[in-house]
């Protein structure tokens, strides 16, 4: 089911006074005159630290393996693009007869 169908179902479910209330709430949130209060820097940094503690960090061995895979891939793809560029440039020079 796509988003449009879900939205249509939600609109059909919220008919009558419930729908009117939700529309009024939406209008209140989007008023340009109101500004949301900023989070203090201490609270923000505390929350960032809490979220970073939840991250599943890779081990040293995994990081080395991922780094090697990336470097090999970059070298291979760079070589491939270089070879194709060289081949195409030689072909163009051969076809159009450069000196």
C-alpha atoms as a PDB file:
ATOM      1  CA  UNK A   1       0.000   0.000   0.000  1.00  0.00           C
ATOM      2  CA  UNK A   2       1.475   3.351  -0.983  1.00  0.00           C
ATOM      3  CA  UNK A   3       1.481   6.630   0.930  1.00  0.00           C
ATOM      4  CA  UNK A   4      -1.365   8.123  -1.035  1.00  0.00           C
ATOM      5  CA  UNK A   5      -3.676   5.214  -0.226  1.00  0.00           C
ATOM      6  CA  UNK A   6      -2.714   5.411   3.462  1.00  0.00           C
ATOM      7  CA  UNK A   7      -3.475   9.140   3.530  1.00  0.00           C
ATOM      8  CA  UNK A   8      -6.858   8.565   1.906  1.00  0.00           C
ATOM      9  CA  UNK A   9      -7.704   5.910   4.505  1.00  0.00           C
ATOM     10  CA  UNK A  10      -6.690   8.250   7.315  1.00  0.00           C
ATOM     11  CA  UNK A  11      -8.821  11.042   5.858  1.00  0.00           C
ATOM     12  CA  UNK A  12     -11.808   8.731   5.608  1.00  0.00           C
ATOM     13  CA  UNK A  13     -11.367   7.590   9.206  1.00  0.00           C
ATOM     14  CA  UNK A  14     -11.165  11.131  10.530  1.00  0.00           C
ATOM     15  CA  UNK A  15     -14.485  12.618   9.558  1.00  0.00           C
ATOM     16  CA  UNK A  16     -16.626  15.026  11.495  1.00  0.00           C
ATOM     17  CA  UNK A  17     -15.353  16.890  14.577  1.00  0.00           C
ATOM     18  CA  UNK A  18     -12.141  14.828  14.824  1.00  0.00           C
ATOM     19  CA  UNK A  19     -11.075  15.908  11.361  1.00  0.00           C
ATOM     20  CA  UNK A  20     -11.853  19.533  12.152  1.00  0.00           C
ATOM     21  CA  UNK A  21      -9.695  19.389  15.293  1.00  0.00           C
ATOM     22  CA  UNK A  22      -6.776  17.813  13.465  1.00  0.00           C
ATOM     23  CA  UNK A  23      -6.956  20.490  10.754  1.00  0.00           C
ATOM     24  CA  UNK A  24      -6.958  23.234  13.389  1.00  0.00           C
ATOM     25  CA  UNK A  25      -3.952  21.665  15.133  1.00  0.00           C
ATOM     26  CA  UNK A  26      -2.081  21.515  11.822  1.00  0.00           C
ATOM     27  CA  UNK A  27      -2.826  25.186  11.201  1.00  0.00           C
ATOM     28  CA  UNK A  28      -1.597  26.165  14.663  1.00  0.00           C
ATOM     29  CA  UNK A  29       1.734  24.388  14.198  1.00  0.00           C
ATOM     30  CA  UNK A  30       2.485  26.051  10.871  1.00  0.00           C
ATOM     31  CA  UNK A  31       1.827  29.655  11.854  1.00  0.00           C
ATOM     32  CA  UNK A  32       4.836  31.761  10.809  1.00  0.00           C
ATOM     33  CA  UNK A  33       4.742  34.050  13.855  1.00  0.00           C
ATOM     34  CA  UNK A  34       5.489  31.303  16.361  1.00  0.00           C
ATOM     35  CA  UNK A  35       9.011  30.023  16.894  1.00  0.00           C
ATOM     36  CA  UNK A  36       9.992  26.804  18.543  1.00  0.00           C
ATOM     37  CA  UNK A  37      12.169  27.148  21.611  1.00  0.00           C
ATOM     38  CA  UNK A  38      15.765  26.080  21.137  1.00  0.00           C
ATOM     39  CA  UNK A  39      17.270  23.250  23.104  1.00  0.00           C
ATOM     40  CA  UNK A  40      20.067  24.422  25.395  1.00  0.00           C
ATOM     41  CA  UNK A  41      23.540  23.354  24.245  1.00  0.00           C
ATOM     42  CA  UNK A  42      24.143  21.218  27.352  1.00  0.00           C
ATOM     43  CA  UNK A  43      20.937  19.255  26.819  1.00  0.00           C
ATOM     44  CA  UNK A  44      21.729  18.854  23.130  1.00  0.00           C
ATOM     45  CA  UNK A  45      25.241  17.516  23.809  1.00  0.00           C
ATOM     46  CA  UNK A  46      23.923  15.176  26.498  1.00  0.00           C
ATOM     47  CA  UNK A  47      21.380  13.741  24.053  1.00  0.00           C
ATOM     48  CA  UNK A  48      24.044  13.392  21.362  1.00  0.00           C
ATOM     49  CA  UNK A  49      26.245  11.426  23.741  1.00  0.00           C
ATOM     50  CA  UNK A  50      23.311   9.169  24.682  1.00  0.00           C
ATOM     51  CA  UNK A  51      22.577   8.469  21.015  1.00  0.00           C
ATOM     52  CA  UNK A  52      26.231   7.755  20.236  1.00  0.00           C
ATOM     53  CA  UNK A  53      26.296   5.212  23.059  1.00  0.00           C
ATOM     54  CA  UNK A  54      23.487   3.335  21.276  1.00  0.00           C
ATOM     55  CA  UNK A  55      25.501   3.018  18.047  1.00  0.00           C
ATOM     56  CA  UNK A  56      26.932  -0.418  17.229  1.00  0.00           C
ATOM     57  CA  UNK A  57      30.538   0.571  16.487  1.00  0.00           C
ATOM     58  CA  UNK A  58      32.640  -1.827  14.389  1.00  0.00           C
ATOM     59  CA  UNK A  59      35.556  -3.627  15.983  1.00  0.00           C
ATOM     60  CA  UNK A  60      39.159  -2.891  15.018  1.00  0.00           C
ATOM     61  CA  UNK A  61      39.322  -5.970  12.765  1.00  0.00           C
ATOM     62  CA  UNK A  62      36.061  -5.071  11.032  1.00  0.00           C
ATOM     63  CA  UNK A  63      37.266  -1.514  10.466  1.00  0.00           C
ATOM     64  CA  UNK A  64      40.515  -2.736   8.923  1.00  0.00           C
ATOM     65  CA  UNK A  65      38.609  -5.163   6.682  1.00  0.00           C
ATOM     66  CA  UNK A  66      36.176  -2.456   5.543  1.00  0.00           C
ATOM     67  CA  UNK A  67      39.052  -0.052   4.863  1.00  0.00           C
ATOM     68  CA  UNK A  68      40.881  -2.631   2.739  1.00  0.00           C
ATOM     69  CA  UNK A  69      37.706  -3.381   0.763  1.00  0.00           C
ATOM     70  CA  UNK A  70      37.148   0.328   0.077  1.00  0.00           C
ATOM     71  CA  UNK A  71      40.761   0.943  -0.965  1.00  0.00           C
ATOM     72  CA  UNK A  72      40.829  -2.086  -3.296  1.00  0.00           C
ATOM     73  CA  UNK A  73      37.510  -1.021  -4.829  1.00  0.00           C
ATOM     74  CA  UNK A  74      38.723   2.540  -5.385  1.00  0.00           C
ATOM     75  CA  UNK A  75      41.977   1.403  -6.975  1.00  0.00           C
ATOM     76  CA  UNK A  76      40.156  -1.084  -9.229  1.00  0.00           C
ATOM     77  CA  UNK A  77      37.499   1.369 -10.383  1.00  0.00           C
ATOM     78  CA  UNK A  78      40.050   4.133 -10.917  1.00  0.00           C
ATOM     79  CA  UNK A  79      42.154   1.793 -13.039  1.00  0.00           C
ATOM     80  CA  UNK A  80      39.086   0.727 -15.006  1.00  0.00           C
ATOM     81  CA  UNK A  81      38.047   4.309 -15.743  1.00  0.00           C
ATOM     82  CA  UNK A  82      41.635   5.227 -16.674  1.00  0.00           C
ATOM     83  CA  UNK A  83      41.879   2.268 -19.078  1.00  0.00           C
ATOM     84  CA  UNK A  84      38.525   3.081 -20.684  1.00  0.00           C
ATOM     85  CA  UNK A  85      39.461   6.757 -21.045  1.00  0.00           C
ATOM     86  CA  UNK A  86      42.803   5.859 -22.592  1.00  0.00           C
ATOM     87  CA  UNK A  87      41.154   3.370 -24.955  1.00  0.00           C
ATOM     88  CA  UNK A  88      38.444   5.804 -26.068  1.00  0.00           C
ATOM     89  CA  UNK A  89      40.937   8.626 -26.589  1.00  0.00           C
ATOM     90  CA  UNK A  90      43.194   6.350 -28.695  1.00  0.00           C
ATOM     91  CA  UNK A  91      40.158   5.187 -30.711  1.00  0.00           C
ATOM     92  CA  UNK A  92      38.994   8.751 -31.346  1.00  0.00           C
ATOM     93  CA  UNK A  93      42.477   9.810 -32.415  1.00  0.00           C
ATOM     94  CA  UNK A  94      42.738   6.743 -34.684  1.00  0.00           C
ATOM     95  CA  UNK A  95      39.288   7.340 -36.242  1.00  0.00           C
ATOM     96  CA  UNK A  96      39.638  11.087 -36.830  1.00  0.00           C
ATOM     97  CA  UNK A  97      43.334  10.907 -37.726  1.00  0.00           C
ATOM     98  CA  UNK A  98      45.368  12.985 -35.390  1.00  0.00           C
ATOM     99  CA  UNK A  99      49.028  13.707 -35.991  1.00  0.00           C
END
